[in-house]
Amino acid sequence: MRTLALLLTLGLAGLIRAADAPALPRLVDLGAGKCIPCKQMKPILAELTRDYADQFTVVFIDVWENRAEGAKYGIRMIPTQIFYGADGKELARHEGFMAKKDILAKWQELGVTVKEPAPATATPSAN
């Protein structure tokens, strides 16, 4: 009984935090693990996820593993990047490889202010 109460409390706390958090714009990249341009996008998406998580979210969907998602998004080729506003509305889409600088420029073009991430600070070594 105590465990159930704790889980319910933790679950509600997570919902409250999610409800308080502002919605972020979202980049959805639809591709596949074995497609060459998709493989080239992988480190870019990882870097965007790491460096800009507080400004926009990045989602990767492998359409070869989940064909229904490809149909749902109406893609014609991979990779395809779809830019969504914080309100969930589609703002733009791009087909093919897209460099990091082009993704960031597209956000700016769409009116989403993207700030450069703070440089990583080196952690002091324990000598």
C-alpha atoms as a PDB file:
ATOM      1  CA  MET A   1       0.000   0.000   0.000  1.00  0.00           C
ATOM      2  CA  ARG A   2       2.831   2.394   0.908  1.00  0.00           C
ATOM      3  CA  THR A   3       4.561   1.591  -2.389  1.00  0.00           C
ATOM      4  CA  LEU A   4       1.409   2.408  -4.359  1.00  0.00           C
ATOM      5  CA  ALA A   5       1.022   5.717  -2.528  1.00  0.00           C
ATOM      6  CA  LEU A   6       4.674   6.563  -3.210  1.00  0.00           C
ATOM      7  CA  LEU A   7       4.332   5.702  -6.902  1.00  0.00           C
ATOM      8  CA  LEU A   8       1.189   7.791  -7.184  1.00  0.00           C
ATOM      9  CA  THR A   9       2.908  10.715  -5.457  1.00  0.00           C
ATOM     10  CA  LEU A  10       5.964  10.455  -7.696  1.00  0.00           C
ATOM     11  CA  GLY A  11       3.778  10.130 -10.777  1.00  0.00           C
ATOM     12  CA  LEU A  12       1.762  13.195  -9.868  1.00  0.00           C
ATOM     13  CA  ALA A  13       4.932  15.157  -9.117  1.00  0.00           C
ATOM     14  CA  GLY A  14       6.226  14.269 -12.598  1.00  0.00           C
ATOM     15  CA  LEU A  15       2.958  15.395 -14.181  1.00  0.00           C
ATOM     16  CA  ILE A  16       3.027  18.680 -12.291  1.00  0.00           C
ATOM     17  CA  ARG A  17       6.635  19.347 -13.382  1.00  0.00           C
ATOM     18  CA  ALA A  18       5.747  18.500 -17.002  1.00  0.00           C
ATOM     19  CA  ALA A  19       2.718  20.789 -16.881  1.00  0.00           C
ATOM     20  CA  ASP A  20       4.809  23.649 -15.467  1.00  0.00           C
ATOM     21  CA  ALA A  21       7.552  23.270 -18.077  1.00  0.00           C
ATOM     22  CA  PRO A  22       7.144  25.436 -21.167  1.00  0.00           C
ATOM     23  CA  ALA A  23       6.591  23.594 -24.434  1.00  0.00           C
ATOM     24  CA  LEU A  24       9.615  23.628 -26.708  1.00  0.00           C
ATOM     25  CA  PRO A  25       9.861  23.595 -30.484  1.00  0.00           C
ATOM     26  CA  ARG A  26      10.634  20.119 -31.807  1.00  0.00           C
ATOM     27  CA  LEU A  27      12.727  18.688 -34.611  1.00  0.00           C
ATOM     28  CA  VAL A  28      11.611  15.247 -35.810  1.00  0.00           C
ATOM     29  CA  ASP A  29      14.112  13.395 -37.975  1.00  0.00           C
ATOM     30  CA  LEU A  30      12.705  10.392 -39.815  1.00  0.00           C
ATOM     31  CA  GLY A  31      15.334   8.050 -41.150  1.00  0.00           C
ATOM     32  CA  ALA A  32      16.801   4.597 -40.769  1.00  0.00           C
ATOM     33  CA  GLY A  33      19.830   3.116 -39.095  1.00  0.00           C
ATOM     34  CA  LYS A  34      21.275   1.722 -42.329  1.00  0.00           C
ATOM     35  CA  CYS A  35      20.739   4.647 -44.717  1.00  0.00           C
ATOM     36  CA  ILE A  36      24.023   6.506 -45.354  1.00  0.00           C
ATOM     37  CA  PRO A  37      22.698  10.105 -45.091  1.00  0.00           C
ATOM     38  CA  CYS A  38      20.792   9.004 -41.966  1.00  0.00           C
ATOM     39  CA  LYS A  39      24.026   7.664 -40.468  1.00  0.00           C
ATOM     40  CA  GLN A  40      25.640  11.031 -41.222  1.00  0.00           C
ATOM     41  CA  MET A  41      22.777  12.769 -39.390  1.00  0.00           C
ATOM     42  CA  LYS A  42      23.173  10.642 -36.242  1.00  0.00           C
ATOM     43  CA  PRO A  43      26.088  12.589 -34.639  1.00  0.00           C
ATOM     44  CA  ILE A  44      24.451  15.886 -35.593  1.00  0.00           C
ATOM     45  CA  LEU A  45      21.212  14.891 -33.888  1.00  0.00           C
ATOM     46  CA  ALA A  46      23.144  13.719 -30.825  1.00  0.00           C
ATOM     47  CA  GLU A  47      24.998  17.024 -30.632  1.00  0.00           C
ATOM     48  CA  LEU A  48      21.789  19.042 -31.040  1.00  0.00           C
ATOM     49  CA  THR A  49      20.137  16.952 -28.333  1.00  0.00           C
ATOM     50  CA  ARG A  50      23.050  17.504 -25.971  1.00  0.00           C
ATOM     51  CA  ASP A  51      23.682  21.192 -26.632  1.00  0.00           C
ATOM     52  CA  TYR A  52      20.208  22.606 -27.268  1.00  0.00           C
ATOM     53  CA  ALA A  53      17.947  20.501 -25.012  1.00  0.00           C
ATOM     54  CA  ASP A  54      16.767  23.626 -23.202  1.00  0.00           C
ATOM     55  CA  GLN A  55      15.807  25.321 -26.500  1.00  0.00           C
ATOM     56  CA  PHE A  56      14.227  22.599 -28.647  1.00  0.00           C
ATOM     57  CA  THR A  57      13.723  18.860 -28.551  1.00  0.00           C
ATOM     58  CA  VAL A  58      15.062  16.370 -31.076  1.00  0.00           C
ATOM     59  CA  VAL A  59      13.270  13.132 -31.919  1.00  0.00           C
ATOM     60  CA  PHE A  60      14.599  10.401 -34.229  1.00  0.00           C
ATOM     61  CA  ILE A  61      12.212   7.851 -35.716  1.00  0.00           C
ATOM     62  CA  ASP A  62      13.572   4.828 -37.573  1.00  0.00           C
ATOM     63  CA  VAL A  63      10.964   4.286 -40.290  1.00  0.00           C
ATOM     64  CA  TRP A  64      12.415   0.940 -41.367  1.00  0.00           C
ATOM     65  CA  GLU A  65      11.783  -0.392 -37.869  1.00  0.00           C
ATOM     66  CA  ASN A  66       8.473   1.448 -37.513  1.00  0.00           C
ATOM     67  CA  ARG A  67       6.876   1.824 -40.946  1.00  0.00           C
ATOM     68  CA  ALA A  68       3.588   3.125 -39.538  1.00  0.00           C
ATOM     69  CA  GLU A  69       5.343   6.241 -38.254  1.00  0.00           C
ATOM     70  CA  GLY A  70       6.680   7.005 -41.743  1.00  0.00           C
ATOM     71  CA  ALA A  71       3.157   6.786 -43.118  1.00  0.00           C
ATOM     72  CA  LYS A  72       1.797   8.889 -40.240  1.00  0.00           C
ATOM     73  CA  TYR A  73       4.224  11.705 -41.069  1.00  0.00           C
ATOM     74  CA  GLY A  74       3.678  11.332 -44.831  1.00  0.00           C
ATOM     75  CA  ILE A  75       7.348  11.089 -45.702  1.00  0.00           C
ATOM     76  CA  ARG A  76       8.510  10.404 -49.248  1.00  0.00           C
ATOM     77  CA  MET A  77      12.222   9.919 -48.658  1.00  0.00           C
ATOM     78  CA  ILE A  78      14.707   9.591 -45.828  1.00  0.00           C
ATOM     79  CA  PRO A  79      16.059  11.357 -44.016  1.00  0.00           C
ATOM     80  CA  THR A  80      13.300  13.926 -43.594  1.00  0.00           C
ATOM     81  CA  GLN A  81      13.445  16.634 -40.937  1.00  0.00           C
ATOM     82  CA  ILE A  82      10.196  18.189 -39.735  1.00  0.00           C
ATOM     83  CA  PHE A  83      10.275  21.382 -37.671  1.00  0.00           C
ATOM     84  CA  TYR A  84       7.424  21.970 -35.227  1.00  0.00           C
ATOM     85  CA  GLY A  85       6.678  25.088 -33.232  1.00  0.00           C
ATOM     86  CA  ALA A  86       6.167  25.021 -29.488  1.00  0.00           C
ATOM     87  CA  ASP A  87       2.429  24.899 -30.224  1.00  0.00           C
ATOM     88  CA  GLY A  88       2.871  21.595 -32.096  1.00  0.00           C
ATOM     89  CA  LYS A  89       2.171  23.005 -35.554  1.00  0.00           C
ATOM     90  CA  GLU A  90       4.409  21.954 -38.420  1.00  0.00           C
ATOM     91  CA  LEU A  91       6.526  24.898 -39.556  1.00  0.00           C
ATOM     92  CA  ALA A  92       8.717  23.358 -42.252  1.00  0.00           C
ATOM     93  CA  ARG A  93      10.139  20.135 -43.627  1.00  0.00           C
ATOM     94  CA  HIS A  94      13.344  19.226 -45.394  1.00  0.00           C
ATOM     95  CA  GLU A  95      14.212  16.066 -47.307  1.00  0.00           C
ATOM     96  CA  GLY A  96      17.751  14.708 -47.385  1.00  0.00           C
ATOM     97  CA  PHE A  97      20.858  15.295 -45.306  1.00  0.00           C
ATOM     98  CA  MET A  98      20.847  18.535 -43.318  1.00  0.00           C
ATOM     99  CA  ALA A  99      23.981  19.934 -41.701  1.00  0.00           C
ATOM    100  CA  LYS A 100      23.911  21.286 -38.146  1.00  0.00           C
ATOM    101  CA  LYS A 101      24.474  24.873 -39.311  1.00  0.00           C
ATOM    102  CA  ASP A 102      21.545  24.531 -41.723  1.00  0.00           C
ATOM    103  CA  ILE A 103      19.257  23.166 -38.992  1.00  0.00           C
ATOM    104  CA  LEU A 104      20.160  26.060 -36.692  1.00  0.00           C
ATOM    105  CA  ALA A 105      19.693  28.547 -39.557  1.00  0.00           C
ATOM    106  CA  LYS A 106      16.277  27.025 -40.323  1.00  0.00           C
ATOM    107  CA  TRP A 107      15.182  27.530 -36.710  1.00  0.00           C
ATOM    108  CA  GLN A 108      16.232  31.195 -36.959  1.00  0.00           C
ATOM    109  CA  GLU A 109      14.408  31.556 -40.295  1.00  0.00           C
ATOM    110  CA  LEU A 110      11.279  30.131 -38.668  1.00  0.00           C
ATOM    111  CA  GLY A 111      11.470  32.729 -35.898  1.00  0.00           C
ATOM    112  CA  VAL A 112      12.842  30.439 -33.198  1.00  0.00           C
ATOM    113  CA  THR A 113      15.714  32.143 -31.408  1.00  0.00           C
ATOM    114  CA  VAL A 114      18.500  29.638 -30.871  1.00  0.00           C
ATOM    115  CA  LYS A 115      21.354  30.704 -28.613  1.00  0.00           C
ATOM    116  CA  GLU A 116      24.780  29.129 -28.790  1.00  0.00           C
ATOM    117  CA  PRO A 117      25.257  26.723 -25.882  1.00  0.00           C
ATOM    118  CA  ALA A 118      27.651  27.677 -23.131  1.00  0.00           C
ATOM    119  CA  PRO A 119      31.091  26.165 -23.668  1.00  0.00           C
ATOM    120  CA  ALA A 120      31.680  23.006 -21.692  1.00  0.00           C
ATOM    121  CA  THR A 121      33.776  23.590 -18.640  1.00  0.00           C
ATOM    122  CA  ALA A 122      36.604  21.245 -17.897  1.00  0.00           C
ATOM    123  CA  THR A 123      36.220  19.327 -14.682  1.00  0.00           C
ATOM    124  CA  PRO A 124      39.223  19.642 -12.377  1.00  0.00           C
ATOM    125  CA  SER A 125      41.304  16.525 -12.202  1.00  0.00           C
ATOM    126  CA  ALA A 126      41.834  14.853  -8.852  1.00  0.00           C
ATOM    127  CA  ASN A 127      45.625  14.654  -8.755  1.00  0.00           C
END
